[in-house]
Amino acid sequence: MIQLVRPTEAMKEQAIEFRQEFFEHGEFVINGSELFDKTEDYIEWCRSIDANTKEETVNPNWVITDTFFAVDDQDRIVGIIDLRHTLNDFLKDLGHCGYSVRPSERRKGFATEMLRQLLEVAKKAGMNELYLSGEKKNEPSVKTITRNGGVYERSFEIDGEQADIYRIALSE
């Protein structure tokens, strides 16, 4: 159905079109995109996310992170997801993972499958658990998390919105 692939410079045109679809729908934040929604230079963004995969080159203000596009069987980017290997003070309420599905591809199970595949990546990285956050009003995201084993841990407020933290235990 989909596979997670690391963004490459060769994907530039398709990636820009993916981002533009969010903007055309009035969505200017693309969760899980490692600031792809804020960059003007796709090639520089690719270099930045590549640097953030290694301890030696990770941005000192960030944490080691793997970012993936979710690509369907027609090689179309349908989503984006990231895995943050550790949590710093800024991320403690945001969690180990963020994800977004392009507006035209929502309600098709892509987010659930993206997260399922990312849990395998996290296991291979030696992680034992993931914490994910979701705004209470974002029912599709909450369902994605709970379908993947997420258990409610606590609530918090971010930008005036109520949100919850869920924990997913990674077992062999």
N, C-alpha and C. Protein backbone atom coordinates (compact mmCIF):
# COMPACT_ATOMS: atom_id res chain seq x y z
N MET A 1 0.83 -1.19 0.00
CA MET A 1 0.00 0.00 0.00
C MET A 1 0.88 1.26 0.00
N ILE A 2 1.71 1.42 1.04
CA ILE A 2 2.65 2.55 1.08
C ILE A 2 3.99 2.05 1.60
N GLN A 3 5.00 2.83 1.33
CA GLN A 3 6.29 2.57 1.97
C GLN A 3 6.87 3.89 2.44
N LEU A 4 7.67 3.81 3.49
CA LEU A 4 8.34 4.99 4.02
C LEU A 4 9.69 5.10 3.33
N VAL A 5 9.96 6.28 2.75
CA VAL A 5 11.22 6.52 2.06
C VAL A 5 11.80 7.85 2.53
N ARG A 6 13.11 7.88 2.61
CA ARG A 6 13.76 9.13 3.00
C ARG A 6 13.66 10.12 1.83
N PRO A 7 13.38 11.38 2.14
CA PRO A 7 13.34 12.40 1.08
C PRO A 7 14.69 12.50 0.38
N THR A 8 14.63 12.64 -0.93
CA THR A 8 15.85 12.83 -1.72
C THR A 8 15.70 14.07 -2.57
N GLU A 9 16.84 14.56 -3.04
CA GLU A 9 16.82 15.74 -3.89
C GLU A 9 16.02 15.47 -5.16
N ALA A 10 16.04 14.23 -5.65
CA ALA A 10 15.31 13.87 -6.87
C ALA A 10 13.80 14.00 -6.70
N MET A 11 13.31 14.03 -5.47
CA MET A 11 11.87 14.12 -5.21
C MET A 11 11.38 15.56 -5.12
N LYS A 12 12.23 16.51 -5.43
CA LYS A 12 11.93 17.93 -5.20
C LYS A 12 10.59 18.37 -5.77
N GLU A 13 10.36 18.13 -7.05
CA GLU A 13 9.13 18.62 -7.69
C GLU A 13 7.90 18.03 -7.02
N GLN A 14 7.93 16.74 -6.78
CA GLN A 14 6.81 16.06 -6.15
C GLN A 14 6.61 16.55 -4.71
N ALA A 15 7.71 16.79 -3.99
CA ALA A 15 7.63 17.26 -2.61
C ALA A 15 7.03 18.66 -2.53
N ILE A 16 7.43 19.53 -3.44
CA ILE A 16 6.89 20.89 -3.46
C ILE A 16 5.39 20.86 -3.74
N GLU A 17 4.97 19.99 -4.64
CA GLU A 17 3.55 19.85 -4.96
C GLU A 17 2.79 19.32 -3.74
N PHE A 18 3.38 18.37 -3.02
CA PHE A 18 2.81 17.82 -1.78
C PHE A 18 2.58 18.94 -0.77
N ARG A 19 3.61 19.75 -0.55
CA ARG A 19 3.51 20.85 0.41
C ARG A 19 2.45 21.87 -0.04
N GLN A 20 2.44 22.17 -1.33
CA GLN A 20 1.51 23.17 -1.86
C GLN A 20 0.06 22.77 -1.61
N GLU A 21 -0.23 21.47 -1.66
CA GLU A 21 -1.61 21.03 -1.42
C GLU A 21 -2.07 21.42 -0.01
N PHE A 22 -1.20 21.32 0.98
CA PHE A 22 -1.55 21.74 2.33
C PHE A 22 -1.86 23.24 2.34
N PHE A 23 -0.97 24.02 1.73
CA PHE A 23 -1.14 25.48 1.72
C PHE A 23 -2.44 25.87 1.03
N GLU A 24 -2.76 25.19 -0.08
CA GLU A 24 -4.00 25.50 -0.80
C GLU A 24 -5.24 25.17 0.01
N HIS A 25 -5.10 24.29 1.00
CA HIS A 25 -6.21 23.95 1.90
C HIS A 25 -6.18 24.78 3.18
N GLY A 26 -5.35 25.83 3.18
CA GLY A 26 -5.28 26.71 4.34
C GLY A 26 -4.54 26.12 5.53
N GLU A 27 -3.75 25.09 5.29
CA GLU A 27 -2.97 24.44 6.35
C GLU A 27 -1.51 24.82 6.16
N PHE A 28 -0.98 25.56 7.11
CA PHE A 28 0.39 26.07 6.96
C PHE A 28 1.37 25.41 7.92
N VAL A 29 0.89 24.43 8.68
CA VAL A 29 1.75 23.61 9.52
C VAL A 29 1.62 22.18 9.03
N ILE A 30 2.75 21.57 8.74
CA ILE A 30 2.76 20.17 8.30
C ILE A 30 3.49 19.39 9.38
N ASN A 31 2.72 18.76 10.27
CA ASN A 31 3.31 18.02 11.38
C ASN A 31 4.20 16.89 10.87
N GLY A 32 5.30 16.68 11.58
CA GLY A 32 6.21 15.60 11.23
C GLY A 32 7.13 15.90 10.07
N SER A 33 7.18 17.16 9.64
CA SER A 33 7.93 17.49 8.42
C SER A 33 9.29 18.12 8.68
N GLU A 34 9.68 18.19 9.93
CA GLU A 34 10.97 18.80 10.27
C GLU A 34 11.14 20.16 9.58
N LEU A 35 10.07 20.95 9.68
CA LEU A 35 10.01 22.33 9.18
C LEU A 35 9.99 22.44 7.65
N PHE A 36 9.59 21.40 6.96
CA PHE A 36 9.42 21.49 5.50
C PHE A 36 8.41 22.57 5.15
N ASP A 37 7.43 22.79 6.04
CA ASP A 37 6.42 23.83 5.80
C ASP A 37 6.99 25.24 5.92
N LYS A 38 8.17 25.38 6.50
CA LYS A 38 8.77 26.70 6.71
C LYS A 38 9.95 26.98 5.78
N THR A 39 10.40 26.01 5.02
CA THR A 39 11.60 26.18 4.21
C THR A 39 11.27 26.67 2.81
N GLU A 40 12.16 27.45 2.27
CA GLU A 40 12.02 27.90 0.88
C GLU A 40 12.95 27.10 -0.05
N ASP A 41 13.90 26.37 0.53
CA ASP A 41 14.92 25.68 -0.26
C ASP A 41 14.86 24.18 0.02
N TYR A 42 14.22 23.44 -0.87
CA TYR A 42 14.04 22.00 -0.68
C TYR A 42 15.38 21.27 -0.55
N ILE A 43 16.35 21.62 -1.38
CA ILE A 43 17.65 20.94 -1.36
C ILE A 43 18.32 21.15 0.00
N GLU A 44 18.27 22.38 0.49
CA GLU A 44 18.85 22.66 1.82
C GLU A 44 18.11 21.89 2.90
N TRP A 45 16.78 21.79 2.77
CA TRP A 45 15.99 21.01 3.73
C TRP A 45 16.43 19.55 3.72
N CYS A 46 16.64 18.97 2.53
CA CYS A 46 17.11 17.59 2.44
C CYS A 46 18.45 17.43 3.16
N ARG A 47 19.33 18.37 2.97
CA ARG A 47 20.65 18.31 3.64
C ARG A 47 20.48 18.41 5.15
N SER A 48 19.59 19.28 5.59
CA SER A 48 19.36 19.46 7.02
C SER A 48 18.79 18.20 7.66
N ILE A 49 17.78 17.60 7.04
CA ILE A 49 17.19 16.40 7.65
C ILE A 49 18.16 15.23 7.59
N ASP A 50 19.01 15.19 6.57
CA ASP A 50 20.04 14.15 6.52
C ASP A 50 21.04 14.35 7.67
N ALA A 51 21.46 15.59 7.89
CA ALA A 51 22.39 15.89 8.99
C ALA A 51 21.79 15.51 10.34
N ASN A 52 20.48 15.68 10.48
CA ASN A 52 19.82 15.39 11.76
C ASN A 52 19.68 13.90 12.05
N THR A 53 20.10 13.04 11.13
CA THR A 53 20.02 11.60 11.38
C THR A 53 21.25 11.08 12.13
N LYS A 54 22.27 11.91 12.28
CA LYS A 54 23.54 11.46 12.86
C LYS A 54 23.94 12.32 14.06
N GLU A 55 24.44 11.66 15.08
CA GLU A 55 24.87 12.36 16.28
C GLU A 55 25.94 13.41 15.99
N GLU A 56 26.84 13.09 15.06
CA GLU A 56 27.95 13.99 14.74
C GLU A 56 27.49 15.28 14.05
N THR A 57 26.35 15.22 13.35
CA THR A 57 25.94 16.36 12.53
C THR A 57 24.58 16.94 12.90
N VAL A 58 23.88 16.36 13.89
CA VAL A 58 22.56 16.86 14.25
C VAL A 58 22.65 18.32 14.69
N ASN A 59 21.67 19.11 14.32
CA ASN A 59 21.58 20.50 14.74
C ASN A 59 21.63 20.54 16.27
N PRO A 60 22.49 21.37 16.86
CA PRO A 60 22.61 21.39 18.32
C PRO A 60 21.32 21.77 19.04
N ASN A 61 20.38 22.39 18.34
CA ASN A 61 19.10 22.75 18.94
C ASN A 61 18.03 21.68 18.73
N TRP A 62 18.41 20.55 18.15
CA TRP A 62 17.43 19.52 17.80
C TRP A 62 17.88 18.18 18.37
N VAL A 63 17.22 17.12 17.97
CA VAL A 63 17.57 15.76 18.40
C VAL A 63 17.70 14.89 17.15
N ILE A 64 18.34 13.75 17.30
CA ILE A 64 18.46 12.82 16.17
C ILE A 64 17.05 12.45 15.70
N THR A 65 16.82 12.63 14.40
CA THR A 65 15.48 12.46 13.83
C THR A 65 15.58 11.79 12.47
N ASP A 66 14.69 10.84 12.25
CA ASP A 66 14.53 10.23 10.92
C ASP A 66 13.23 10.75 10.34
N THR A 67 13.27 11.28 9.14
CA THR A 67 12.09 11.81 8.47
C THR A 67 11.85 11.02 7.19
N PHE A 68 10.59 10.67 6.96
CA PHE A 68 10.22 9.86 5.81
C PHE A 68 9.01 10.43 5.10
N PHE A 69 9.01 10.33 3.78
CA PHE A 69 7.79 10.51 3.02
C PHE A 69 7.11 9.15 2.97
N ALA A 70 5.79 9.15 3.00
CA ALA A 70 5.02 7.94 2.74
C ALA A 70 4.63 8.00 1.26
N VAL A 71 5.02 6.98 0.53
CA VAL A 71 4.82 6.95 -0.92
C VAL A 71 3.90 5.78 -1.25
N ASP A 72 2.89 6.06 -2.10
CA ASP A 72 1.95 4.98 -2.46
C ASP A 72 2.50 4.15 -3.62
N ASP A 73 1.72 3.20 -4.08
CA ASP A 73 2.21 2.30 -5.13
C ASP A 73 2.32 2.95 -6.51
N GLN A 74 1.90 4.21 -6.62
CA GLN A 74 2.14 4.99 -7.84
C GLN A 74 3.31 5.97 -7.63
N ASP A 75 4.07 5.78 -6.56
CA ASP A 75 5.20 6.66 -6.20
C ASP A 75 4.77 8.09 -5.93
N ARG A 76 3.56 8.28 -5.45
CA ARG A 76 3.04 9.60 -5.09
C ARG A 76 3.21 9.79 -3.60
N ILE A 77 3.71 10.95 -3.20
CA ILE A 77 3.85 11.25 -1.78
C ILE A 77 2.46 11.49 -1.20
N VAL A 78 2.07 10.66 -0.23
CA VAL A 78 0.76 10.81 0.40
C VAL A 78 0.87 11.33 1.83
N GLY A 79 2.08 11.27 2.41
CA GLY A 79 2.23 11.73 3.78
C GLY A 79 3.68 11.93 4.15
N ILE A 80 3.87 12.42 5.36
CA ILE A 80 5.22 12.62 5.90
C ILE A 80 5.16 12.28 7.38
N ILE A 81 6.24 11.71 7.90
CA ILE A 81 6.30 11.28 9.30
C ILE A 81 7.73 11.36 9.77
N ASP A 82 7.91 11.69 11.04
CA ASP A 82 9.27 11.71 11.57
C ASP A 82 9.34 10.94 12.88
N LEU A 83 10.56 10.52 13.20
CA LEU A 83 10.84 9.79 14.44
C LEU A 83 11.98 10.51 15.15
N ARG A 84 11.65 11.06 16.29
CA ARG A 84 12.66 11.74 17.12
C ARG A 84 13.15 10.73 18.14
N HIS A 85 14.44 10.44 18.11
CA HIS A 85 14.98 9.36 18.93
C HIS A 85 15.00 9.68 20.42
N THR A 86 15.04 10.95 20.78
CA THR A 86 14.99 11.37 22.17
C THR A 86 14.10 12.60 22.25
N LEU A 87 13.75 12.97 23.47
CA LEU A 87 12.92 14.15 23.67
C LEU A 87 13.70 15.17 24.50
N ASN A 88 13.76 16.41 24.00
CA ASN A 88 14.34 17.50 24.78
C ASN A 88 13.20 18.26 25.45
N ASP A 89 13.51 19.35 26.14
CA ASP A 89 12.46 20.11 26.85
C ASP A 89 11.36 20.58 25.91
N PHE A 90 11.75 21.03 24.71
CA PHE A 90 10.77 21.51 23.73
C PHE A 90 9.85 20.38 23.27
N LEU A 91 10.39 19.18 23.11
CA LEU A 91 9.63 18.06 22.55
C LEU A 91 8.86 17.25 23.58
N LYS A 92 9.06 17.50 24.87
CA LYS A 92 8.45 16.63 25.88
C LYS A 92 6.93 16.56 25.77
N ASP A 93 6.30 17.63 25.29
CA ASP A 93 4.86 17.61 25.10
C ASP A 93 4.47 17.31 23.64
N LEU A 94 5.42 17.28 22.75
CA LEU A 94 5.11 16.99 21.34
C LEU A 94 5.32 15.52 21.01
N GLY A 95 6.26 14.89 21.67
CA GLY A 95 6.46 13.47 21.51
C GLY A 95 7.53 13.09 20.51
N HIS A 96 7.66 11.78 20.33
CA HIS A 96 8.69 11.20 19.48
C HIS A 96 8.35 11.24 18.00
N CYS A 97 7.13 11.57 17.67
CA CYS A 97 6.70 11.41 16.28
C CYS A 97 5.64 12.44 15.93
N GLY A 98 5.73 12.95 14.71
CA GLY A 98 4.69 13.77 14.14
C GLY A 98 4.40 13.25 12.75
N TYR A 99 3.21 13.47 12.26
CA TYR A 99 2.88 12.99 10.91
C TYR A 99 1.75 13.83 10.33
N SER A 100 1.71 13.83 9.00
CA SER A 100 0.64 14.51 8.27
C SER A 100 0.36 13.72 6.99
N VAL A 101 -0.90 13.71 6.61
CA VAL A 101 -1.33 13.11 5.34
C VAL A 101 -1.89 14.24 4.49
N ARG A 102 -1.51 14.25 3.22
CA ARG A 102 -1.99 15.33 2.34
C ARG A 102 -3.51 15.34 2.32
N PRO A 103 -4.12 16.52 2.23
CA PRO A 103 -5.57 16.64 2.34
C PRO A 103 -6.36 15.72 1.40
N SER A 104 -5.92 15.52 0.18
CA SER A 104 -6.68 14.70 -0.77
C SER A 104 -6.59 13.20 -0.49
N GLU A 105 -5.75 12.81 0.45
CA GLU A 105 -5.54 11.38 0.73
C GLU A 105 -5.95 10.97 2.14
N ARG A 106 -6.67 11.83 2.82
CA ARG A 106 -7.08 11.53 4.20
C ARG A 106 -8.24 10.54 4.23
N ARG A 107 -8.40 9.91 5.39
CA ARG A 107 -9.49 8.96 5.65
C ARG A 107 -9.36 7.70 4.79
N LYS A 108 -8.13 7.34 4.47
CA LYS A 108 -7.87 6.13 3.69
C LYS A 108 -6.97 5.16 4.45
N GLY A 109 -6.65 5.47 5.70
CA GLY A 109 -5.82 4.59 6.51
C GLY A 109 -4.32 4.82 6.38
N PHE A 110 -3.92 5.84 5.64
CA PHE A 110 -2.49 6.07 5.44
C PHE A 110 -1.76 6.42 6.74
N ALA A 111 -2.35 7.28 7.57
CA ALA A 111 -1.67 7.68 8.81
C ALA A 111 -1.45 6.47 9.72
N THR A 112 -2.47 5.62 9.84
CA THR A 112 -2.34 4.43 10.68
C THR A 112 -1.23 3.54 10.18
N GLU A 113 -1.15 3.35 8.88
CA GLU A 113 -0.10 2.50 8.31
C GLU A 113 1.27 3.17 8.41
N MET A 114 1.33 4.47 8.23
CA MET A 114 2.60 5.19 8.39
C MET A 114 3.15 4.99 9.80
N LEU A 115 2.29 5.18 10.80
CA LEU A 115 2.73 5.03 12.18
C LEU A 115 3.11 3.58 12.46
N ARG A 116 2.34 2.62 11.94
CA ARG A 116 2.67 1.21 12.15
C ARG A 116 4.08 0.92 11.63
N GLN A 117 4.39 1.40 10.44
CA GLN A 117 5.71 1.17 9.87
C GLN A 117 6.79 1.90 10.66
N LEU A 118 6.47 3.09 11.16
CA LEU A 118 7.46 3.84 11.93
C LEU A 118 7.78 3.14 13.25
N LEU A 119 6.81 2.44 13.82
CA LEU A 119 7.07 1.70 15.06
C LEU A 119 8.13 0.63 14.82
N GLU A 120 8.14 0.04 13.65
CA GLU A 120 9.18 -0.95 13.30
C GLU A 120 10.55 -0.27 13.22
N VAL A 121 10.60 0.93 12.64
CA VAL A 121 11.84 1.69 12.56
C VAL A 121 12.34 1.99 13.99
N ALA A 122 11.43 2.39 14.86
CA ALA A 122 11.79 2.72 16.24
C ALA A 122 12.34 1.49 16.97
N LYS A 123 11.72 0.33 16.77
CA LYS A 123 12.21 -0.91 17.38
C LYS A 123 13.63 -1.21 16.91
N LYS A 124 13.85 -1.09 15.61
CA LYS A 124 15.18 -1.36 15.05
C LYS A 124 16.22 -0.38 15.58
N ALA A 125 15.77 0.81 15.96
CA ALA A 125 16.68 1.82 16.53
C ALA A 125 16.92 1.57 18.02
N GLY A 126 16.29 0.54 18.56
CA GLY A 126 16.50 0.20 19.97
C GLY A 126 15.61 0.94 20.95
N MET A 127 14.57 1.56 20.45
CA MET A 127 13.66 2.30 21.32
C MET A 127 12.67 1.32 21.95
N ASN A 128 12.28 1.58 23.21
CA ASN A 128 11.35 0.71 23.93
C ASN A 128 9.93 1.25 23.98
N GLU A 129 9.80 2.55 23.77
CA GLU A 129 8.48 3.18 23.82
C GLU A 129 8.52 4.50 23.06
N LEU A 130 7.34 4.91 22.64
CA LEU A 130 7.19 6.21 21.99
C LEU A 130 6.08 6.96 22.70
N TYR A 131 6.27 8.27 22.79
CA TYR A 131 5.22 9.15 23.28
C TYR A 131 4.77 10.00 22.10
N LEU A 132 3.46 10.09 21.92
CA LEU A 132 2.88 10.89 20.84
C LEU A 132 1.82 11.80 21.42
N SER A 133 1.68 12.97 20.83
CA SER A 133 0.64 13.89 21.29
C SER A 133 -0.38 14.08 20.19
N GLY A 134 -1.58 14.40 20.63
CA GLY A 134 -2.65 14.71 19.69
C GLY A 134 -3.62 15.68 20.33
N GLU A 135 -4.05 16.66 19.57
CA GLU A 135 -5.07 17.58 20.08
C GLU A 135 -6.36 16.80 20.25
N LYS A 136 -7.06 17.07 21.35
CA LYS A 136 -8.29 16.35 21.64
C LYS A 136 -9.28 16.43 20.47
N LYS A 137 -9.32 17.60 19.80
CA LYS A 137 -10.31 17.78 18.74
C LYS A 137 -9.90 17.08 17.43
N ASN A 138 -8.66 16.58 17.37
CA ASN A 138 -8.19 15.91 16.15
C ASN A 138 -8.45 14.40 16.27
N GLU A 139 -9.74 14.04 16.16
CA GLU A 139 -10.14 12.64 16.32
C GLU A 139 -9.40 11.67 15.40
N PRO A 140 -9.19 12.01 14.13
CA PRO A 140 -8.47 11.06 13.27
C PRO A 140 -7.07 10.73 13.79
N SER A 141 -6.37 11.74 14.32
CA SER A 141 -5.03 11.49 14.83
C SER A 141 -5.07 10.64 16.10
N VAL A 142 -6.02 10.94 16.97
CA VAL A 142 -6.17 10.14 18.20
C VAL A 142 -6.46 8.68 17.82
N LYS A 143 -7.32 8.45 16.84
CA LYS A 143 -7.62 7.08 16.39
C LYS A 143 -6.38 6.41 15.81
N THR A 144 -5.59 7.16 15.06
CA THR A 144 -4.35 6.62 14.49
C THR A 144 -3.44 6.12 15.62
N ILE A 145 -3.30 6.93 16.66
CA ILE A 145 -2.43 6.57 17.78
C ILE A 145 -2.98 5.36 18.53
N THR A 146 -4.26 5.38 18.85
CA THR A 146 -4.82 4.27 19.63
C THR A 146 -4.87 2.98 18.82
N ARG A 147 -5.08 3.07 17.52
CA ARG A 147 -5.06 1.86 16.68
C ARG A 147 -3.67 1.20 16.67
N ASN A 148 -2.65 1.99 16.96
CA ASN A 148 -1.29 1.48 16.99
C ASN A 148 -0.82 1.20 18.42
N GLY A 149 -1.77 1.06 19.34
CA GLY A 149 -1.43 0.67 20.70
C GLY A 149 -1.23 1.81 21.67
N GLY A 150 -1.54 3.03 21.27
CA GLY A 150 -1.37 4.18 22.15
C GLY A 150 -2.30 4.13 23.35
N VAL A 151 -1.73 4.38 24.52
CA VAL A 151 -2.49 4.41 25.77
C VAL A 151 -2.35 5.81 26.36
N TYR A 152 -3.49 6.39 26.75
CA TYR A 152 -3.50 7.74 27.32
C TYR A 152 -2.59 7.82 28.54
N GLU A 153 -1.78 8.89 28.59
CA GLU A 153 -0.88 9.12 29.72
C GLU A 153 -1.27 10.38 30.50
N ARG A 154 -1.44 11.51 29.78
CA ARG A 154 -1.73 12.77 30.46
C ARG A 154 -2.23 13.79 29.44
N SER A 155 -2.76 14.89 29.95
CA SER A 155 -3.23 15.99 29.11
C SER A 155 -2.37 17.23 29.33
N PHE A 156 -2.38 18.12 28.36
CA PHE A 156 -1.66 19.39 28.47
C PHE A 156 -2.32 20.38 27.52
N GLU A 157 -1.87 21.63 27.57
CA GLU A 157 -2.41 22.65 26.68
C GLU A 157 -1.28 23.19 25.82
N ILE A 158 -1.56 23.36 24.52
CA ILE A 158 -0.57 23.94 23.61
C ILE A 158 -1.29 24.92 22.68
N ASP A 159 -0.79 26.11 22.61
CA ASP A 159 -1.39 27.16 21.77
C ASP A 159 -2.89 27.30 22.03
N GLY A 160 -3.29 27.19 23.30
CA GLY A 160 -4.69 27.35 23.67
C GLY A 160 -5.56 26.15 23.38
N GLU A 161 -4.98 25.05 22.89
CA GLU A 161 -5.73 23.84 22.57
C GLU A 161 -5.42 22.74 23.59
N GLN A 162 -6.42 21.97 23.93
CA GLN A 162 -6.23 20.82 24.80
C GLN A 162 -5.66 19.67 23.98
N ALA A 163 -4.66 19.01 24.54
CA ALA A 163 -4.03 17.89 23.85
C ALA A 163 -3.71 16.80 24.86
N ASP A 164 -3.51 15.61 24.36
CA ASP A 164 -3.19 14.46 25.19
C ASP A 164 -1.89 13.83 24.72
N ILE A 165 -1.20 13.22 25.68
CA ILE A 165 0.00 12.43 25.38
C ILE A 165 -0.38 10.96 25.51
N TYR A 166 0.02 10.19 24.53
CA TYR A 166 -0.20 8.74 24.53
C TYR A 166 1.16 8.03 24.51
N ARG A 167 1.20 6.86 25.11
CA ARG A 167 2.41 6.05 25.13
C ARG A 167 2.16 4.77 24.34
N ILE A 168 3.11 4.45 23.47
CA ILE A 168 3.06 3.18 22.75
C ILE A 168 4.29 2.37 23.18
N ALA A 169 4.02 1.23 23.79
CA ALA A 169 5.11 0.34 24.20
C ALA A 169 5.54 -0.47 22.98
N LEU A 170 6.84 -0.58 22.80
CA LEU A 170 7.38 -1.34 21.67
C LEU A 170 7.89 -2.66 22.20
N SER A 171 7.22 -3.72 21.86
CA SER A 171 7.66 -5.04 22.32
C SER A 171 8.11 -5.86 21.12
N GLU A 172 8.91 -6.84 21.40
CA GLU A 172 9.42 -7.71 20.30
C GLU A 172 8.33 -8.60 19.77
